[in-house]
């Protein structure tokens, strides 16, 4: 399945559904953390979509599969 391109703001909403919370923001990068202590950094550049490579890195760090991400993205 092909990953959908989402903006940084939408990525934050998707990660929030998985229990991640915003810890801090420095410039245009938002750091999020979940209850297990996993950190991910999401670039937020307006409505510009997050690149596929960065999306995959975020998903690996958050331990979210492609299929699960696509499901969550449709809910937001």
PDB file of N, CA and C in Angstrom:
ATOM      1  N   UNK A   1       0.834  -1.192   0.000  1.00  0.00           N
ATOM      2  CA  UNK A   1       0.000   0.000   0.000  1.00  0.00           C
ATOM      3  C   UNK A   1       0.874   1.250   0.000  1.00  0.00           C
ATOM      4  N   UNK A   2       0.420   2.234  -0.725  1.00  0.00           N
ATOM      5  CA  UNK A   2       1.161   3.483  -0.812  1.00  0.00           C
ATOM      6  C   UNK A   2       0.802   4.369   0.384  1.00  0.00           C
ATOM      7  N   UNK A   3       1.815   4.975   0.984  1.00  0.00           N
ATOM      8  CA  UNK A   3       1.587   5.861   2.121  1.00  0.00           C
ATOM      9  C   UNK A   3       0.975   7.175   1.650  1.00  0.00           C
ATOM     10  N   UNK A   4      -0.046   7.657   2.352  1.00  0.00           N
ATOM     11  CA  UNK A   4      -0.587   8.969   2.002  1.00  0.00           C
ATOM     12  C   UNK A   4       0.350  10.072   2.481  1.00  0.00           C
ATOM     13  N   UNK A   5       0.452  11.150   1.723  1.00  0.00           N
ATOM     14  CA  UNK A   5       1.232  12.305   2.146  1.00  0.00           C
ATOM     15  C   UNK A   5       0.357  13.158   3.051  1.00  0.00           C
ATOM     16  N   UNK A   6       0.841  13.433   4.249  1.00  0.00           N
ATOM     17  CA  UNK A   6       0.081  14.236   5.199  1.00  0.00           C
ATOM     18  C   UNK A   6       0.945  15.403   5.670  1.00  0.00           C
ATOM     19  N   UNK A   7       0.293  16.464   6.101  1.00  0.00           N
ATOM     20  CA  UNK A   7       1.019  17.609   6.638  1.00  0.00           C
ATOM     21  C   UNK A   7       1.503  17.276   8.049  1.00  0.00           C
ATOM     22  N   UNK A   8       2.388  18.096   8.557  1.00  0.00           N
ATOM     23  CA  UNK A   8       2.888  17.896   9.918  1.00  0.00           C
ATOM     24  C   UNK A   8       1.783  17.979  10.948  1.00  0.00           C
ATOM     25  N   UNK A   9       0.838  18.889  10.736  1.00  0.00           N
ATOM     26  CA  UNK A   9      -0.280  19.049  11.676  1.00  0.00           C
ATOM     27  C   UNK A   9      -1.130  17.789  11.725  1.00  0.00           C
ATOM     28  N   UNK A  10      -1.384  17.198  10.555  1.00  0.00           N
ATOM     29  CA  UNK A  10      -2.188  15.978  10.513  1.00  0.00           C
ATOM     30  C   UNK A  10      -1.412  14.811  11.112  1.00  0.00           C
ATOM     31  N   UNK A  11      -0.097  14.776  10.923  1.00  0.00           N
ATOM     32  CA  UNK A  11       0.733  13.730  11.511  1.00  0.00           C
ATOM     33  C   UNK A  11       0.649  13.782  13.032  1.00  0.00           C
ATOM     34  N   UNK A  12       0.641  14.984  13.589  1.00  0.00           N
ATOM     35  CA  UNK A  12       0.520  15.148  15.036  1.00  0.00           C
ATOM     36  C   UNK A  12      -0.820  14.598  15.519  1.00  0.00           C
ATOM     37  N   UNK A  13      -1.897  14.861  14.772  1.00  0.00           N
ATOM     38  CA  UNK A  13      -3.212  14.345  15.142  1.00  0.00           C
ATOM     39  C   UNK A  13      -3.237  12.820  15.096  1.00  0.00           C
ATOM     40  N   UNK A  14      -2.606  12.239  14.084  1.00  0.00           N
ATOM     41  CA  UNK A  14      -2.550  10.776  13.960  1.00  0.00           C
ATOM     42  C   UNK A  14      -1.782  10.186  15.142  1.00  0.00           C
ATOM     43  N   UNK A  15      -0.642  10.771  15.471  1.00  0.00           N
ATOM     44  CA  UNK A  15       0.155  10.269  16.589  1.00  0.00           C
ATOM     45  C   UNK A  15      -0.572  10.444  17.918  1.00  0.00           C
ATOM     46  N   UNK A  16      -1.370  11.495  18.034  1.00  0.00           N
ATOM     47  CA  UNK A  16      -2.147  11.711  19.256  1.00  0.00           C
ATOM     48  C   UNK A  16      -3.147  10.578  19.475  1.00  0.00           C
ATOM     49  N   UNK A  17      -3.686  10.038  18.375  1.00  0.00           N
ATOM     50  CA  UNK A  17      -4.605   8.907  18.492  1.00  0.00           C
ATOM     51  C   UNK A  17      -3.909   7.673  19.055  1.00  0.00           C
ATOM     52  N   UNK A  18      -2.600   7.571  18.875  1.00  0.00           N
ATOM     53  CA  UNK A  18      -1.818   6.449  19.388  1.00  0.00           C
ATOM     54  C   UNK A  18      -1.243   6.718  20.779  1.00  0.00           C
ATOM     55  N   UNK A  19      -1.631   7.844  21.394  1.00  0.00           N
ATOM     56  CA  UNK A  19      -1.199   8.127  22.760  1.00  0.00           C
ATOM     57  C   UNK A  19       0.015   9.023  22.888  1.00  0.00           C
ATOM     58  N   UNK A  20       0.485   9.585  21.789  1.00  0.00           N
ATOM     59  CA  UNK A  20       1.618  10.505  21.852  1.00  0.00           C
ATOM     60  C   UNK A  20       1.132  11.889  22.260  1.00  0.00           C
ATOM     61  N   UNK A  21       1.953  12.570  23.043  1.00  0.00           N
ATOM     62  CA  UNK A  21       1.634  13.926  23.476  1.00  0.00           C
ATOM     63  C   UNK A  21       2.789  14.851  23.109  1.00  0.00           C
ATOM     64  N   UNK A  22       2.447  16.097  22.811  1.00  0.00           N
ATOM     65  CA  UNK A  22       3.475  17.089  22.481  1.00  0.00           C
ATOM     66  C   UNK A  22       4.252  17.410  23.751  1.00  0.00           C
ATOM     67  N   UNK A  23       5.567  17.259  23.671  1.00  0.00           N
ATOM     68  CA  UNK A  23       6.440  17.550  24.803  1.00  0.00           C
ATOM     69  C   UNK A  23       6.994  18.956  24.685  1.00  0.00           C
ATOM     70  N   UNK A  24       7.461  19.280  23.461  1.00  0.00           N
ATOM     71  CA  UNK A  24       7.995  20.620  23.238  1.00  0.00           C
ATOM     72  C   UNK A  24       8.043  20.907  21.753  1.00  0.00           C
ATOM     73  N   UNK A  25       8.187  22.192  21.449  1.00  0.00           N
ATOM     74  CA  UNK A  25       8.323  22.610  20.065  1.00  0.00           C
ATOM     75  C   UNK A  25       9.488  23.571  19.987  1.00  0.00           C
ATOM     76  N   UNK A  26      10.343  23.318  19.033  1.00  0.00           N
ATOM     77  CA  UNK A  26      11.472  24.202  18.810  1.00  0.00           C
ATOM     78  C   UNK A  26      11.447  24.589  17.351  1.00  0.00           C
ATOM     79  N   UNK A  27      11.162  25.837  17.096  1.00  0.00           N
ATOM     80  CA  UNK A  27      11.008  26.348  15.743  1.00  0.00           C
ATOM     81  C   UNK A  27       9.881  25.585  15.054  1.00  0.00           C
ATOM     82  N   UNK A  28      10.176  24.912  13.951  1.00  0.00           N
ATOM     83  CA  UNK A  28       9.112  24.229  13.212  1.00  0.00           C
ATOM     84  C   UNK A  28       9.113  22.721  13.456  1.00  0.00           C
ATOM     85  N   UNK A  29       9.777  22.259  14.509  1.00  0.00           N
ATOM     86  CA  UNK A  29       9.837  20.839  14.815  1.00  0.00           C
ATOM     87  C   UNK A  29       9.182  20.566  16.170  1.00  0.00           C
ATOM     88  N   UNK A  30       8.238  19.634  16.170  1.00  0.00           N
ATOM     89  CA  UNK A  30       7.487  19.285  17.368  1.00  0.00           C
ATOM     90  C   UNK A  30       7.956  17.923  17.847  1.00  0.00           C
ATOM     91  N   UNK A  31       8.340  17.851  19.119  1.00  0.00           N
ATOM     92  CA  UNK A  31       8.724  16.570  19.704  1.00  0.00           C
ATOM     93  C   UNK A  31       7.533  16.003  20.464  1.00  0.00           C
ATOM     94  N   UNK A  32       7.297  14.694  20.242  1.00  0.00           N
ATOM     95  CA  UNK A  32       6.183  14.021  20.892  1.00  0.00           C
ATOM     96  C   UNK A  32       6.712  12.791  21.617  1.00  0.00           C
ATOM     97  N   UNK A  33       6.020  12.418  22.693  1.00  0.00           N
ATOM     98  CA  UNK A  33       6.439  11.292  23.513  1.00  0.00           C
ATOM     99  C   UNK A  33       5.206  10.498  23.907  1.00  0.00           C
ATOM    100  N   UNK A  34       5.353   9.177  24.021  1.00  0.00           N
ATOM    101  CA  UNK A  34       4.228   8.365  24.486  1.00  0.00           C
ATOM    102  C   UNK A  34       4.541   7.820  25.875  1.00  0.00           C
ATOM    103  N   UNK A  35       3.609   7.043  26.424  1.00  0.00           N
ATOM    104  CA  UNK A  35       3.751   6.540  27.790  1.00  0.00           C
ATOM    105  C   UNK A  35       4.893   5.531  27.935  1.00  0.00           C
ATOM    106  N   UNK A  36       5.327   4.927  26.827  1.00  0.00           N
ATOM    107  CA  UNK A  36       6.435   3.968  26.868  1.00  0.00           C
ATOM    108  C   UNK A  36       7.795   4.653  26.740  1.00  0.00           C
ATOM    109  N   UNK A  37       7.787   5.977  26.591  1.00  0.00           N
ATOM    110  CA  UNK A  37       9.029   6.725  26.509  1.00  0.00           C
ATOM    111  C   UNK A  37       9.588   6.887  25.111  1.00  0.00           C
ATOM    112  N   UNK A  38       8.825   6.518  24.089  1.00  0.00           N
ATOM    113  CA  UNK A  38       9.290   6.666  22.710  1.00  0.00           C
ATOM    114  C   UNK A  38       9.128   8.119  22.277  1.00  0.00           C
ATOM    115  N   UNK A  39      10.176   8.667  21.659  1.00  0.00           N
ATOM    116  CA  UNK A  39      10.161  10.039  21.150  1.00  0.00           C
ATOM    117  C   UNK A  39      10.117  10.031  19.632  1.00  0.00           C
ATOM    118  N   UNK A  40       9.364  10.958  19.060  1.00  0.00           N
ATOM    119  CA  UNK A  40       9.397  11.199  17.616  1.00  0.00           C
ATOM    120  C   UNK A  40       9.398  12.705  17.399  1.00  0.00           C
ATOM    121  N   UNK A  41      10.033  13.132  16.323  1.00  0.00           N
ATOM    122  CA  UNK A  41      10.073  14.549  15.966  1.00  0.00           C
ATOM    123  C   UNK A  41       9.337  14.728  14.655  1.00  0.00           C
ATOM    124  N   UNK A  42       8.380  15.661  14.648  1.00  0.00           N
ATOM    125  CA  UNK A  42       7.548  15.905  13.472  1.00  0.00           C
ATOM    126  C   UNK A  42       7.831  17.315  12.957  1.00  0.00           C
ATOM    127  N   UNK A  43       8.249  17.453  11.694  1.00  0.00           N
ATOM    128  CA  UNK A  43       8.433  18.784  11.117  1.00  0.00           C
ATOM    129  C   UNK A  43       7.079  19.366  10.710  1.00  0.00           C
ATOM    130  N   UNK A  44       6.836  20.607  11.101  1.00  0.00           N
ATOM    131  CA  UNK A  44       5.575  21.272  10.753  1.00  0.00           C
ATOM    132  C   UNK A  44       5.920  22.518   9.946  1.00  0.00           C
ATOM    133  N   UNK A  45       5.701  22.423   8.643  1.00  0.00           N
ATOM    134  CA  UNK A  45       5.986  23.535   7.737  1.00  0.00           C
ATOM    135  C   UNK A  45       4.695  23.930   7.032  1.00  0.00           C
ATOM    136  N   UNK A  46       3.776  24.495   7.790  1.00  0.00           N
ATOM    137  CA  UNK A  46       2.486  24.892   7.232  1.00  0.00           C
ATOM    138  C   UNK A  46       1.711  23.691   6.738  1.00  0.00           C
ATOM    139  N   UNK A  47       1.198  23.774   5.539  1.00  0.00           N
ATOM    140  CA  UNK A  47       0.427  22.670   4.953  1.00  0.00           C
ATOM    141  C   UNK A  47       1.277  21.790   4.039  1.00  0.00           C
ATOM    142  N   UNK A  48       2.577  22.042   4.017  1.00  0.00           N
ATOM    143  CA  UNK A  48       3.481  21.247   3.178  1.00  0.00           C
ATOM    144  C   UNK A  48       3.527  19.811   3.722  1.00  0.00           C
ATOM    145  N   UNK A  49       3.391  18.818   2.849  1.00  0.00           N
ATOM    146  CA  UNK A  49       3.391  17.428   3.326  1.00  0.00           C
ATOM    147  C   UNK A  49       4.770  16.981   3.807  1.00  0.00           C
ATOM    148  N   UNK A  50       4.748  16.091   4.792  1.00  0.00           N
ATOM    149  CA  UNK A  50       5.973  15.487   5.303  1.00  0.00           C
ATOM    150  C   UNK A  50       6.443  14.481   4.250  1.00  0.00           C
ATOM    151  N   UNK A  51       7.728  14.476   3.941  1.00  0.00           N
ATOM    152  CA  UNK A  51       8.244  13.584   2.898  1.00  0.00           C
ATOM    153  C   UNK A  51       8.052  12.121   3.296  1.00  0.00           C
ATOM    154  N   UNK A  52       8.068  11.255   2.304  1.00  0.00           N
ATOM    155  CA  UNK A  52       7.862   9.827   2.540  1.00  0.00           C
ATOM    156  C   UNK A  52       8.949   9.252   3.443  1.00  0.00           C
ATOM    157  N   UNK A  53      10.180   9.658   3.241  1.00  0.00           N
ATOM    158  CA  UNK A  53      11.291   9.162   4.067  1.00  0.00           C
ATOM    159  C   UNK A  53      11.130   9.543   5.528  1.00  0.00           C
ATOM    160  N   UNK A  54      10.767  10.790   5.785  1.00  0.00           N
ATOM    161  CA  UNK A  54      10.566  11.252   7.157  1.00  0.00           C
ATOM    162  C   UNK A  54       9.348  10.554   7.767  1.00  0.00           C
ATOM    163  N   UNK A  55       8.295  10.366   6.981  1.00  0.00           N
ATOM    164  CA  UNK A  55       7.111   9.662   7.471  1.00  0.00           C
ATOM    165  C   UNK A  55       7.487   8.248   7.910  1.00  0.00           C
ATOM    166  N   UNK A  56       8.267   7.551   7.103  1.00  0.00           N
ATOM    167  CA  UNK A  56       8.693   6.190   7.464  1.00  0.00           C
ATOM    168  C   UNK A  56       9.536   6.185   8.741  1.00  0.00           C
ATOM    169  N   UNK A  57      10.395   7.183   8.891  1.00  0.00           N
ATOM    170  CA  UNK A  57      11.220   7.278  10.097  1.00  0.00           C
ATOM    171  C   UNK A  57      10.346   7.515  11.333  1.00  0.00           C
ATOM    172  N   UNK A  58       9.344   8.376  11.209  1.00  0.00           N
ATOM    173  CA  UNK A  58       8.424   8.635  12.311  1.00  0.00           C
ATOM    174  C   UNK A  58       7.657   7.361  12.670  1.00  0.00           C
ATOM    175  N   UNK A  59       7.194   6.641  11.655  1.00  0.00           N
ATOM    176  CA  UNK A  59       6.436   5.411  11.901  1.00  0.00           C
ATOM    177  C   UNK A  59       7.301   4.345  12.576  1.00  0.00           C
ATOM    178  N   UNK A  60       8.560   4.230  12.167  1.00  0.00           N
ATOM    179  CA  UNK A  60       9.472   3.279  12.819  1.00  0.00           C
ATOM    180  C   UNK A  60       9.672   3.652  14.283  1.00  0.00           C
ATOM    181  N   UNK A  61       9.901   4.943  14.532  1.00  0.00           N
ATOM    182  CA  UNK A  61      10.126   5.407  15.899  1.00  0.00           C
ATOM    183  C   UNK A  61       8.910   5.233  16.793  1.00  0.00           C
ATOM    184  N   UNK A  62       7.729   5.359  16.203  1.00  0.00           N
ATOM    185  CA  UNK A  62       6.487   5.224  16.959  1.00  0.00           C
ATOM    186  C   UNK A  62       5.976   3.786  16.977  1.00  0.00           C
ATOM    187  N   UNK A  63       6.660   2.902  16.233  1.00  0.00           N
ATOM    188  CA  UNK A  63       6.272   1.493  16.120  1.00  0.00           C
ATOM    189  C   UNK A  63       4.830   1.350  15.613  1.00  0.00           C
ATOM    190  N   UNK A  64       4.569   2.044  14.507  1.00  0.00           N
ATOM    191  CA  UNK A  64       3.260   1.993  13.839  1.00  0.00           C
ATOM    192  C   UNK A  64       3.473   1.393  12.453  1.00  0.00           C
ATOM    193  N   UNK A  65       2.658   0.406  12.096  1.00  0.00           N
ATOM    194  CA  UNK A  65       2.785  -0.212  10.771  1.00  0.00           C
ATOM    195  C   UNK A  65       2.163   0.707   9.712  1.00  0.00           C
ATOM    196  N   UNK A  66       2.484   0.436   8.465  1.00  0.00           N
ATOM    197  CA  UNK A  66       1.917   1.225   7.357  1.00  0.00           C
ATOM    198  C   UNK A  66       0.390   1.119   7.355  1.00  0.00           C
ATOM    199  N   UNK A  67      -0.110  -0.111   7.509  1.00  0.00           N
ATOM    200  CA  UNK A  67      -1.556  -0.338   7.481  1.00  0.00           C
ATOM    201  C   UNK A  67      -2.258   0.415   8.607  1.00  0.00           C
ATOM    202  N   UNK A  68      -1.657   0.369   9.810  1.00  0.00           N
ATOM    203  CA  UNK A  68      -2.242   1.062  10.952  1.00  0.00           C
ATOM    204  C   UNK A  68      -2.240   2.574  10.729  1.00  0.00           C
ATOM    205  N   UNK A  69      -1.150   3.089  10.137  1.00  0.00           N
ATOM    206  CA  UNK A  69      -1.065   4.518   9.858  1.00  0.00           C
ATOM    207  C   UNK A  69      -2.156   4.944   8.880  1.00  0.00           C
ATOM    208  N   UNK A  70      -2.366   4.135   7.843  1.00  0.00           N
ATOM    209  CA  UNK A  70      -3.385   4.461   6.847  1.00  0.00           C
ATOM    210  C   UNK A  70      -4.768   4.474   7.490  1.00  0.00           C
ATOM    211  N   UNK A  71      -5.036   3.509   8.371  1.00  0.00           N
ATOM    212  CA  UNK A  71      -6.313   3.471   9.105  1.00  0.00           C
ATOM    213  C   UNK A  71      -6.506   4.712   9.962  1.00  0.00           C
ATOM    214  N   UNK A  72      -5.468   5.054  10.742  1.00  0.00           N
ATOM    215  CA  UNK A  72      -5.554   6.206  11.627  1.00  0.00           C
ATOM    216  C   UNK A  72      -5.698   7.506  10.835  1.00  0.00           C
ATOM    217  N   UNK A  73      -5.004   7.593   9.708  1.00  0.00           N
ATOM    218  CA  UNK A  73      -5.067   8.805   8.880  1.00  0.00           C
ATOM    219  C   UNK A  73      -6.474   9.032   8.358  1.00  0.00           C
ATOM    220  N   UNK A  74      -7.180   7.962   8.057  1.00  0.00           N
ATOM    221  CA  UNK A  74      -8.557   8.087   7.564  1.00  0.00           C
ATOM    222  C   UNK A  74      -9.499   8.565   8.658  1.00  0.00           C
ATOM    223  N   UNK A  75      -9.186   8.275   9.925  1.00  0.00           N
ATOM    224  CA  UNK A  75     -10.036   8.685  11.051  1.00  0.00           C
ATOM    225  C   UNK A  75      -9.917  10.175  11.348  1.00  0.00           C
ATOM    226  N   UNK A  76      -8.760  10.754  11.024  1.00  0.00           N
ATOM    227  CA  UNK A  76      -8.510  12.169  11.357  1.00  0.00           C
ATOM    228  C   UNK A  76      -9.154  13.072  10.348  1.00  0.00           C
TER     229      UNK A  76
END
